[in-house]
Amino acid sequence: MRVSAKSDYAVRAAAELAAAGVGGHRKREQIAAAQQIPSKFLETILLDLKHSGIVKSTRGAEGGYGLARPAADISIADVVRAVDGPMATMRGERVEQVTYEGAATALRDVWVAVRASLRRVLETTSLQDLVDNHLPDQVRELTADPEAWISLNRRRRAPHDQE
């Protein structure tokens, strides 16, 4: 899975808003500076999040952006979908609609399983979890495995490196 810059920035911006607390607001420039997000790109992201009902904006000197609902009720998956659409597609189609022939017949099930794995992590992790640095147990279990931290390319080279 490749996480787009837009999704990464959106989750980071939403986490900043979650850190502002209930009813708290942050100006776009504050969010951009806190997370090193290009301000113009952040403007587009905040608009997407607003259209999806995740963020609200208030005009005026005391205005800015805030979460439209509690951070505990907003998952990382909600934010990713708001800016990038469905989390798993194959050639622009939903993975359950793709069909394969012959030796690749079971490949659709693999893609569905990949999507389910993404959902299991991203839908169960809320913005509040990020702010509190208290990730769900299943996420902690995955990151506790040392193999999770090793890139596939590095693992493939390891046997040759030992020779």
N, C-alpha and C. Protein backbone atom coordinates (compact mmCIF):
# COMPACT_ATOMS: atom_id res chain seq x y z
N MET A 1 0.84 -1.17 0.00
CA MET A 1 0.00 0.00 0.00
C MET A 1 0.88 1.23 0.00
N ARG A 2 0.51 2.19 -0.79
CA ARG A 2 1.20 3.47 -0.83
C ARG A 2 0.28 4.51 -0.22
N VAL A 3 0.77 5.22 0.75
CA VAL A 3 0.00 6.28 1.37
C VAL A 3 0.35 7.57 0.63
N SER A 4 -0.66 8.22 0.09
CA SER A 4 -0.41 9.46 -0.65
C SER A 4 0.00 10.56 0.31
N ALA A 5 0.70 11.55 -0.22
CA ALA A 5 1.06 12.72 0.60
C ALA A 5 -0.21 13.38 1.11
N LYS A 6 -1.24 13.39 0.29
CA LYS A 6 -2.50 14.03 0.69
C LYS A 6 -3.10 13.33 1.91
N SER A 7 -3.11 12.01 1.92
CA SER A 7 -3.63 11.27 3.07
C SER A 7 -2.77 11.48 4.30
N ASP A 8 -1.46 11.42 4.13
CA ASP A 8 -0.55 11.64 5.26
C ASP A 8 -0.76 13.03 5.86
N TYR A 9 -0.79 14.04 5.01
CA TYR A 9 -1.01 15.41 5.49
C TYR A 9 -2.38 15.55 6.14
N ALA A 10 -3.39 14.93 5.56
CA ALA A 10 -4.75 15.05 6.11
C ALA A 10 -4.84 14.45 7.50
N VAL A 11 -4.24 13.29 7.71
CA VAL A 11 -4.28 12.66 9.03
C VAL A 11 -3.50 13.51 10.03
N ARG A 12 -2.36 14.04 9.62
CA ARG A 12 -1.57 14.88 10.52
C ARG A 12 -2.31 16.17 10.87
N ALA A 13 -2.97 16.78 9.89
CA ALA A 13 -3.75 18.00 10.14
C ALA A 13 -4.92 17.70 11.07
N ALA A 14 -5.60 16.59 10.84
CA ALA A 14 -6.74 16.21 11.69
C ALA A 14 -6.26 15.92 13.11
N ALA A 15 -5.08 15.33 13.26
CA ALA A 15 -4.53 15.08 14.59
C ALA A 15 -4.25 16.40 15.31
N GLU A 16 -3.75 17.39 14.58
CA GLU A 16 -3.54 18.72 15.18
C GLU A 16 -4.85 19.31 15.68
N LEU A 17 -5.90 19.14 14.89
CA LEU A 17 -7.22 19.65 15.31
C LEU A 17 -7.73 18.87 16.51
N ALA A 18 -7.48 17.58 16.54
CA ALA A 18 -7.88 16.76 17.69
C ALA A 18 -7.14 17.21 18.95
N ALA A 19 -5.88 17.58 18.79
CA ALA A 19 -5.09 18.05 19.93
C ALA A 19 -5.61 19.38 20.47
N ALA A 20 -6.32 20.13 19.64
CA ALA A 20 -6.90 21.41 20.08
C ALA A 20 -8.05 21.18 21.05
N GLY A 21 -8.57 19.97 21.07
CA GLY A 21 -9.63 19.63 22.01
C GLY A 21 -11.01 20.00 21.50
N VAL A 22 -12.01 19.61 22.27
CA VAL A 22 -13.40 19.87 21.91
C VAL A 22 -13.62 21.38 21.87
N GLY A 23 -14.16 21.83 20.76
CA GLY A 23 -14.43 23.26 20.61
C GLY A 23 -13.21 24.09 20.27
N GLY A 24 -12.04 23.47 20.25
CA GLY A 24 -10.82 24.20 19.92
C GLY A 24 -10.68 24.42 18.42
N HIS A 25 -10.02 25.48 18.08
CA HIS A 25 -9.79 25.81 16.68
C HIS A 25 -8.31 26.08 16.46
N ARG A 26 -7.88 25.85 15.25
CA ARG A 26 -6.53 26.20 14.84
C ARG A 26 -6.64 26.88 13.48
N LYS A 27 -5.81 27.85 13.27
CA LYS A 27 -5.75 28.51 11.97
C LYS A 27 -4.92 27.62 11.03
N ARG A 28 -5.21 27.76 9.75
CA ARG A 28 -4.52 26.94 8.75
C ARG A 28 -3.01 27.10 8.87
N GLU A 29 -2.55 28.33 9.08
CA GLU A 29 -1.12 28.59 9.18
C GLU A 29 -0.50 27.86 10.39
N GLN A 30 -1.25 27.78 11.48
CA GLN A 30 -0.77 27.08 12.67
C GLN A 30 -0.61 25.58 12.38
N ILE A 31 -1.60 25.01 11.72
CA ILE A 31 -1.56 23.59 11.38
C ILE A 31 -0.39 23.32 10.43
N ALA A 32 -0.28 24.17 9.40
CA ALA A 32 0.79 24.00 8.41
C ALA A 32 2.16 24.05 9.06
N ALA A 33 2.35 25.01 9.96
CA ALA A 33 3.65 25.15 10.62
C ALA A 33 3.92 23.98 11.57
N ALA A 34 2.91 23.56 12.32
CA ALA A 34 3.09 22.49 13.30
C ALA A 34 3.47 21.17 12.63
N GLN A 35 2.93 20.92 11.43
CA GLN A 35 3.16 19.63 10.77
C GLN A 35 3.98 19.74 9.48
N GLN A 36 4.55 20.91 9.22
CA GLN A 36 5.33 21.14 7.99
C GLN A 36 4.57 20.70 6.74
N ILE A 37 3.35 21.20 6.62
CA ILE A 37 2.50 20.92 5.46
C ILE A 37 2.43 22.20 4.63
N PRO A 38 2.66 22.12 3.32
CA PRO A 38 2.52 23.31 2.48
C PRO A 38 1.12 23.91 2.65
N SER A 39 1.07 25.19 2.98
CA SER A 39 -0.19 25.86 3.33
C SER A 39 -1.23 25.77 2.22
N LYS A 40 -0.82 25.96 0.99
CA LYS A 40 -1.78 25.92 -0.13
C LYS A 40 -2.36 24.51 -0.29
N PHE A 41 -1.53 23.49 -0.13
CA PHE A 41 -2.00 22.10 -0.21
C PHE A 41 -2.94 21.81 0.95
N LEU A 42 -2.61 22.34 2.12
CA LEU A 42 -3.45 22.15 3.30
C LEU A 42 -4.83 22.77 3.10
N GLU A 43 -4.89 23.87 2.40
CA GLU A 43 -6.18 24.52 2.12
C GLU A 43 -7.11 23.56 1.39
N THR A 44 -6.61 22.87 0.40
CA THR A 44 -7.40 21.88 -0.36
C THR A 44 -7.82 20.72 0.54
N ILE A 45 -6.90 20.26 1.36
CA ILE A 45 -7.18 19.14 2.26
C ILE A 45 -8.27 19.51 3.26
N LEU A 46 -8.16 20.69 3.85
CA LEU A 46 -9.17 21.12 4.83
C LEU A 46 -10.54 21.27 4.18
N LEU A 47 -10.56 21.70 2.93
CA LEU A 47 -11.83 21.80 2.20
C LEU A 47 -12.44 20.41 2.00
N ASP A 48 -11.62 19.43 1.63
CA ASP A 48 -12.10 18.05 1.48
C ASP A 48 -12.64 17.52 2.81
N LEU A 49 -11.91 17.79 3.89
CA LEU A 49 -12.34 17.32 5.21
C LEU A 49 -13.62 18.01 5.66
N LYS A 50 -13.77 19.26 5.28
CA LYS A 50 -14.99 20.01 5.60
C LYS A 50 -16.19 19.43 4.84
N HIS A 51 -16.00 19.17 3.55
CA HIS A 51 -17.09 18.60 2.73
C HIS A 51 -17.51 17.23 3.23
N SER A 52 -16.60 16.50 3.84
CA SER A 52 -16.93 15.16 4.32
C SER A 52 -17.51 15.17 5.74
N GLY A 53 -17.58 16.35 6.36
CA GLY A 53 -18.17 16.45 7.69
C GLY A 53 -17.20 16.14 8.82
N ILE A 54 -15.92 16.09 8.54
CA ILE A 54 -14.92 15.82 9.58
C ILE A 54 -14.47 17.12 10.24
N VAL A 55 -14.37 18.17 9.45
CA VAL A 55 -13.88 19.46 9.92
C VAL A 55 -14.96 20.52 9.73
N LYS A 56 -14.95 21.49 10.62
CA LYS A 56 -15.82 22.67 10.46
C LYS A 56 -14.92 23.90 10.49
N SER A 57 -15.40 24.98 9.91
CA SER A 57 -14.61 26.20 9.93
C SER A 57 -15.45 27.32 10.53
N THR A 58 -14.74 28.24 11.16
CA THR A 58 -15.37 29.41 11.76
C THR A 58 -14.64 30.63 11.23
N ARG A 59 -15.40 31.60 10.76
CA ARG A 59 -14.81 32.83 10.23
C ARG A 59 -14.50 33.81 11.36
N GLY A 60 -13.67 34.76 11.05
CA GLY A 60 -13.39 35.84 11.99
C GLY A 60 -12.03 35.72 12.64
N ALA A 61 -11.72 36.73 13.44
CA ALA A 61 -10.42 36.81 14.10
C ALA A 61 -10.18 35.63 15.04
N GLU A 62 -11.21 35.16 15.67
CA GLU A 62 -11.09 34.02 16.59
C GLU A 62 -11.40 32.70 15.90
N GLY A 63 -11.59 32.75 14.60
CA GLY A 63 -11.99 31.57 13.85
C GLY A 63 -10.83 30.65 13.52
N GLY A 64 -11.13 29.72 12.67
CA GLY A 64 -10.15 28.74 12.24
C GLY A 64 -10.87 27.44 11.95
N TYR A 65 -10.16 26.36 12.08
CA TYR A 65 -10.71 25.04 11.81
C TYR A 65 -10.76 24.23 13.09
N GLY A 66 -11.78 23.39 13.18
CA GLY A 66 -11.91 22.48 14.31
C GLY A 66 -12.58 21.21 13.83
N LEU A 67 -12.56 20.19 14.65
CA LEU A 67 -13.25 18.94 14.30
C LEU A 67 -14.75 19.15 14.42
N ALA A 68 -15.49 18.54 13.52
CA ALA A 68 -16.94 18.65 13.52
C ALA A 68 -17.59 17.68 14.50
N ARG A 69 -16.84 16.70 14.95
CA ARG A 69 -17.33 15.74 15.95
C ARG A 69 -16.15 15.29 16.81
N PRO A 70 -16.41 14.60 17.90
CA PRO A 70 -15.31 14.21 18.79
C PRO A 70 -14.24 13.39 18.08
N ALA A 71 -12.99 13.64 18.48
CA ALA A 71 -11.85 12.94 17.87
C ALA A 71 -11.96 11.43 18.04
N ALA A 72 -12.57 10.98 19.12
CA ALA A 72 -12.72 9.54 19.35
C ALA A 72 -13.68 8.90 18.35
N ASP A 73 -14.50 9.72 17.69
CA ASP A 73 -15.47 9.22 16.72
C ASP A 73 -14.99 9.33 15.28
N ILE A 74 -13.76 9.76 15.08
CA ILE A 74 -13.21 9.92 13.73
C ILE A 74 -12.02 8.97 13.59
N SER A 75 -12.15 8.03 12.68
CA SER A 75 -11.05 7.08 12.45
C SER A 75 -10.09 7.62 11.40
N ILE A 76 -8.90 7.05 11.40
CA ILE A 76 -7.94 7.40 10.35
C ILE A 76 -8.53 7.04 8.98
N ALA A 77 -9.27 5.95 8.91
CA ALA A 77 -9.91 5.55 7.65
C ALA A 77 -10.88 6.63 7.17
N ASP A 78 -11.62 7.26 8.08
CA ASP A 78 -12.54 8.34 7.69
C ASP A 78 -11.77 9.47 7.00
N VAL A 79 -10.64 9.82 7.56
CA VAL A 79 -9.83 10.92 7.02
C VAL A 79 -9.26 10.53 5.66
N VAL A 80 -8.71 9.33 5.54
CA VAL A 80 -8.13 8.88 4.27
C VAL A 80 -9.20 8.85 3.18
N ARG A 81 -10.36 8.31 3.49
CA ARG A 81 -11.44 8.25 2.49
C ARG A 81 -11.89 9.65 2.08
N ALA A 82 -11.88 10.58 3.01
CA ALA A 82 -12.33 11.94 2.71
C ALA A 82 -11.45 12.62 1.67
N VAL A 83 -10.16 12.32 1.68
CA VAL A 83 -9.26 13.00 0.75
C VAL A 83 -8.85 12.15 -0.45
N ASP A 84 -8.88 10.82 -0.30
CA ASP A 84 -8.41 9.95 -1.38
C ASP A 84 -9.43 8.94 -1.89
N GLY A 85 -10.62 8.90 -1.29
CA GLY A 85 -11.63 7.94 -1.73
C GLY A 85 -11.38 6.55 -1.14
N PRO A 86 -11.90 5.52 -1.79
CA PRO A 86 -11.77 4.16 -1.26
C PRO A 86 -10.32 3.76 -1.02
N MET A 87 -10.11 2.99 0.05
CA MET A 87 -8.74 2.62 0.41
C MET A 87 -8.12 1.57 -0.49
N ALA A 88 -8.91 0.73 -1.09
CA ALA A 88 -8.34 -0.32 -1.94
C ALA A 88 -9.17 -0.47 -3.20
N THR A 89 -8.54 -0.14 -4.31
CA THR A 89 -9.15 -0.35 -5.62
C THR A 89 -8.12 -1.02 -6.52
N MET A 90 -8.61 -1.67 -7.53
CA MET A 90 -7.74 -2.34 -8.49
C MET A 90 -8.10 -1.79 -9.87
N ARG A 91 -7.16 -1.09 -10.45
CA ARG A 91 -7.39 -0.47 -11.77
C ARG A 91 -8.65 0.39 -11.75
N GLY A 92 -8.89 1.08 -10.63
CA GLY A 92 -10.04 1.97 -10.53
C GLY A 92 -11.34 1.29 -10.17
N GLU A 93 -11.33 -0.03 -10.02
CA GLU A 93 -12.54 -0.77 -9.64
C GLU A 93 -12.44 -1.22 -8.20
N ARG A 94 -13.59 -1.42 -7.57
CA ARG A 94 -13.61 -1.98 -6.22
C ARG A 94 -13.08 -3.41 -6.30
N VAL A 95 -12.27 -3.81 -5.34
CA VAL A 95 -11.59 -5.10 -5.43
C VAL A 95 -12.54 -6.28 -5.52
N GLU A 96 -13.71 -6.20 -4.90
CA GLU A 96 -14.63 -7.33 -4.96
C GLU A 96 -15.27 -7.49 -6.34
N GLN A 97 -15.14 -6.49 -7.20
CA GLN A 97 -15.73 -6.56 -8.54
C GLN A 97 -14.74 -7.06 -9.60
N VAL A 98 -13.49 -7.17 -9.24
CA VAL A 98 -12.46 -7.63 -10.18
C VAL A 98 -12.52 -9.15 -10.27
N THR A 99 -12.38 -9.66 -11.47
CA THR A 99 -12.34 -11.12 -11.65
C THR A 99 -11.08 -11.50 -12.42
N TYR A 100 -10.59 -12.69 -12.13
CA TYR A 100 -9.39 -13.20 -12.79
C TYR A 100 -9.68 -14.60 -13.30
N GLU A 101 -8.88 -15.03 -14.23
CA GLU A 101 -9.05 -16.35 -14.83
C GLU A 101 -7.84 -17.24 -14.53
N GLY A 102 -8.03 -18.50 -14.68
CA GLY A 102 -6.94 -19.46 -14.59
C GLY A 102 -6.20 -19.44 -13.27
N ALA A 103 -4.88 -19.43 -13.37
CA ALA A 103 -4.03 -19.53 -12.19
C ALA A 103 -4.20 -18.34 -11.23
N ALA A 104 -4.75 -17.24 -11.71
CA ALA A 104 -4.91 -16.05 -10.86
C ALA A 104 -6.32 -15.92 -10.28
N THR A 105 -7.15 -16.94 -10.41
CA THR A 105 -8.53 -16.88 -9.94
C THR A 105 -8.65 -16.43 -8.48
N ALA A 106 -7.79 -16.91 -7.63
CA ALA A 106 -7.87 -16.59 -6.19
C ALA A 106 -7.30 -15.21 -5.85
N LEU A 107 -6.74 -14.50 -6.83
CA LEU A 107 -6.11 -13.21 -6.55
C LEU A 107 -7.10 -12.19 -6.00
N ARG A 108 -8.32 -12.22 -6.44
CA ARG A 108 -9.32 -11.29 -5.91
C ARG A 108 -9.45 -11.45 -4.39
N ASP A 109 -9.42 -12.69 -3.91
CA ASP A 109 -9.52 -12.93 -2.47
C ASP A 109 -8.32 -12.32 -1.73
N VAL A 110 -7.16 -12.34 -2.36
CA VAL A 110 -5.98 -11.72 -1.76
C VAL A 110 -6.21 -10.21 -1.63
N TRP A 111 -6.72 -9.58 -2.69
CA TRP A 111 -6.95 -8.13 -2.65
C TRP A 111 -8.03 -7.78 -1.61
N VAL A 112 -9.04 -8.59 -1.50
CA VAL A 112 -10.07 -8.36 -0.48
C VAL A 112 -9.46 -8.48 0.92
N ALA A 113 -8.58 -9.46 1.10
CA ALA A 113 -7.91 -9.64 2.40
C ALA A 113 -7.01 -8.44 2.73
N VAL A 114 -6.33 -7.90 1.73
CA VAL A 114 -5.49 -6.72 1.93
C VAL A 114 -6.36 -5.56 2.39
N ARG A 115 -7.48 -5.36 1.72
CA ARG A 115 -8.39 -4.28 2.11
C ARG A 115 -8.90 -4.50 3.53
N ALA A 116 -9.25 -5.72 3.88
CA ALA A 116 -9.73 -6.02 5.23
C ALA A 116 -8.65 -5.72 6.27
N SER A 117 -7.39 -6.02 5.95
CA SER A 117 -6.29 -5.73 6.87
C SER A 117 -6.13 -4.23 7.07
N LEU A 118 -6.20 -3.48 6.00
CA LEU A 118 -6.13 -2.02 6.10
C LEU A 118 -7.25 -1.50 6.99
N ARG A 119 -8.44 -1.98 6.72
CA ARG A 119 -9.59 -1.54 7.52
C ARG A 119 -9.41 -1.88 8.99
N ARG A 120 -8.91 -3.06 9.28
CA ARG A 120 -8.74 -3.51 10.66
C ARG A 120 -7.85 -2.54 11.44
N VAL A 121 -6.88 -1.98 10.79
CA VAL A 121 -5.99 -1.02 11.47
C VAL A 121 -6.57 0.39 11.41
N LEU A 122 -6.91 0.86 10.22
CA LEU A 122 -7.28 2.26 10.04
C LEU A 122 -8.67 2.61 10.58
N GLU A 123 -9.59 1.66 10.56
CA GLU A 123 -10.93 1.94 11.08
C GLU A 123 -11.01 1.84 12.59
N THR A 124 -10.07 1.15 13.20
CA THR A 124 -10.11 1.00 14.66
C THR A 124 -9.20 2.00 15.38
N THR A 125 -8.46 2.79 14.63
CA THR A 125 -7.58 3.79 15.22
C THR A 125 -8.20 5.16 15.01
N SER A 126 -8.53 5.82 16.12
CA SER A 126 -9.17 7.14 16.04
C SER A 126 -8.13 8.25 16.15
N LEU A 127 -8.57 9.44 15.82
CA LEU A 127 -7.71 10.61 15.99
C LEU A 127 -7.34 10.78 17.46
N GLN A 128 -8.29 10.46 18.35
CA GLN A 128 -8.00 10.57 19.78
C GLN A 128 -6.92 9.58 20.19
N ASP A 129 -6.94 8.38 19.59
CA ASP A 129 -5.88 7.40 19.86
C ASP A 129 -4.50 7.98 19.50
N LEU A 130 -4.43 8.68 18.37
CA LEU A 130 -3.16 9.29 17.96
C LEU A 130 -2.71 10.34 18.95
N VAL A 131 -3.63 11.24 19.29
CA VAL A 131 -3.31 12.34 20.20
C VAL A 131 -2.88 11.82 21.57
N ASP A 132 -3.55 10.79 22.04
CA ASP A 132 -3.24 10.22 23.35
C ASP A 132 -2.06 9.25 23.31
N ASN A 133 -1.56 8.96 22.09
CA ASN A 133 -0.50 7.96 21.90
C ASN A 133 -0.89 6.64 22.57
N HIS A 134 -2.14 6.28 22.38
CA HIS A 134 -2.67 5.04 22.94
C HIS A 134 -3.36 4.27 21.80
N LEU A 135 -2.55 3.59 21.01
CA LEU A 135 -3.06 2.89 19.84
C LEU A 135 -3.76 1.60 20.25
N PRO A 136 -4.73 1.15 19.44
CA PRO A 136 -5.41 -0.11 19.75
C PRO A 136 -4.42 -1.27 19.88
N ASP A 137 -4.79 -2.24 20.70
CA ASP A 137 -3.91 -3.39 20.96
C ASP A 137 -3.45 -4.07 19.68
N GLN A 138 -4.36 -4.25 18.72
CA GLN A 138 -3.98 -4.94 17.48
C GLN A 138 -2.93 -4.16 16.70
N VAL A 139 -2.95 -2.84 16.78
CA VAL A 139 -1.92 -2.03 16.11
C VAL A 139 -0.61 -2.18 16.85
N ARG A 140 -0.64 -2.12 18.16
CA ARG A 140 0.57 -2.29 18.97
C ARG A 140 1.19 -3.67 18.74
N GLU A 141 0.35 -4.69 18.62
CA GLU A 141 0.86 -6.05 18.37
C GLU A 141 1.59 -6.11 17.04
N LEU A 142 1.02 -5.48 16.02
CA LEU A 142 1.66 -5.49 14.70
C LEU A 142 3.00 -4.77 14.74
N THR A 143 3.05 -3.64 15.42
CA THR A 143 4.31 -2.88 15.45
C THR A 143 5.33 -3.48 16.40
N ALA A 144 4.91 -4.36 17.29
CA ALA A 144 5.84 -5.03 18.20
C ALA A 144 6.66 -6.10 17.48
N ASP A 145 6.19 -6.55 16.34
CA ASP A 145 6.91 -7.56 15.57
C ASP A 145 8.09 -6.90 14.85
N PRO A 146 9.32 -7.28 15.17
CA PRO A 146 10.49 -6.65 14.53
C PRO A 146 10.45 -6.73 13.00
N GLU A 147 9.85 -7.77 12.47
CA GLU A 147 9.75 -7.92 11.01
C GLU A 147 8.92 -6.79 10.38
N ALA A 148 8.02 -6.20 11.14
CA ALA A 148 7.18 -5.12 10.61
C ALA A 148 8.01 -3.89 10.26
N TRP A 149 9.15 -3.74 10.89
CA TRP A 149 9.99 -2.56 10.70
C TRP A 149 11.02 -2.73 9.60
N ILE A 150 11.09 -3.91 9.02
CA ILE A 150 12.09 -4.19 7.98
C ILE A 150 11.41 -4.15 6.63
N SER A 151 11.97 -3.36 5.72
CA SER A 151 11.38 -3.28 4.39
C SER A 151 11.59 -4.62 3.67
N LEU A 152 10.70 -4.93 2.77
CA LEU A 152 10.78 -6.18 2.02
C LEU A 152 12.08 -6.26 1.23
N ASN A 153 12.50 -5.16 0.64
CA ASN A 153 13.74 -5.16 -0.13
C ASN A 153 14.93 -5.50 0.75
N ARG A 154 14.94 -5.00 1.97
CA ARG A 154 16.04 -5.28 2.89
C ARG A 154 16.02 -6.74 3.32
N ARG A 155 14.83 -7.29 3.55
CA ARG A 155 14.73 -8.70 3.94
C ARG A 155 15.19 -9.60 2.81
N ARG A 156 14.87 -9.24 1.58
CA ARG A 156 15.28 -10.08 0.44
C ARG A 156 16.80 -10.09 0.29
N ARG A 157 17.45 -8.97 0.61
CA ARG A 157 18.90 -8.89 0.45
C ARG A 157 19.64 -9.55 1.60
N ALA A 158 18.99 -9.69 2.73
CA ALA A 158 19.66 -10.18 3.94
C ALA A 158 20.42 -11.50 3.73
N PRO A 159 19.84 -12.53 3.11
CA PRO A 159 20.59 -13.79 2.95
C PRO A 159 21.86 -13.60 2.13
N HIS A 160 21.80 -12.73 1.11
CA HIS A 160 22.97 -12.50 0.28
C HIS A 160 24.04 -11.72 1.05
N ASP A 161 23.59 -10.82 1.92
CA ASP A 161 24.53 -10.01 2.70
C ASP A 161 25.34 -10.87 3.66
N GLN A 162 24.81 -12.01 4.07
CA GLN A 162 25.47 -12.85 5.05
C GLN A 162 26.50 -13.78 4.42
N GLU A 163 26.52 -13.86 3.14
CA GLU A 163 27.47 -14.76 2.47
C GLU A 163 28.87 -14.23 2.47
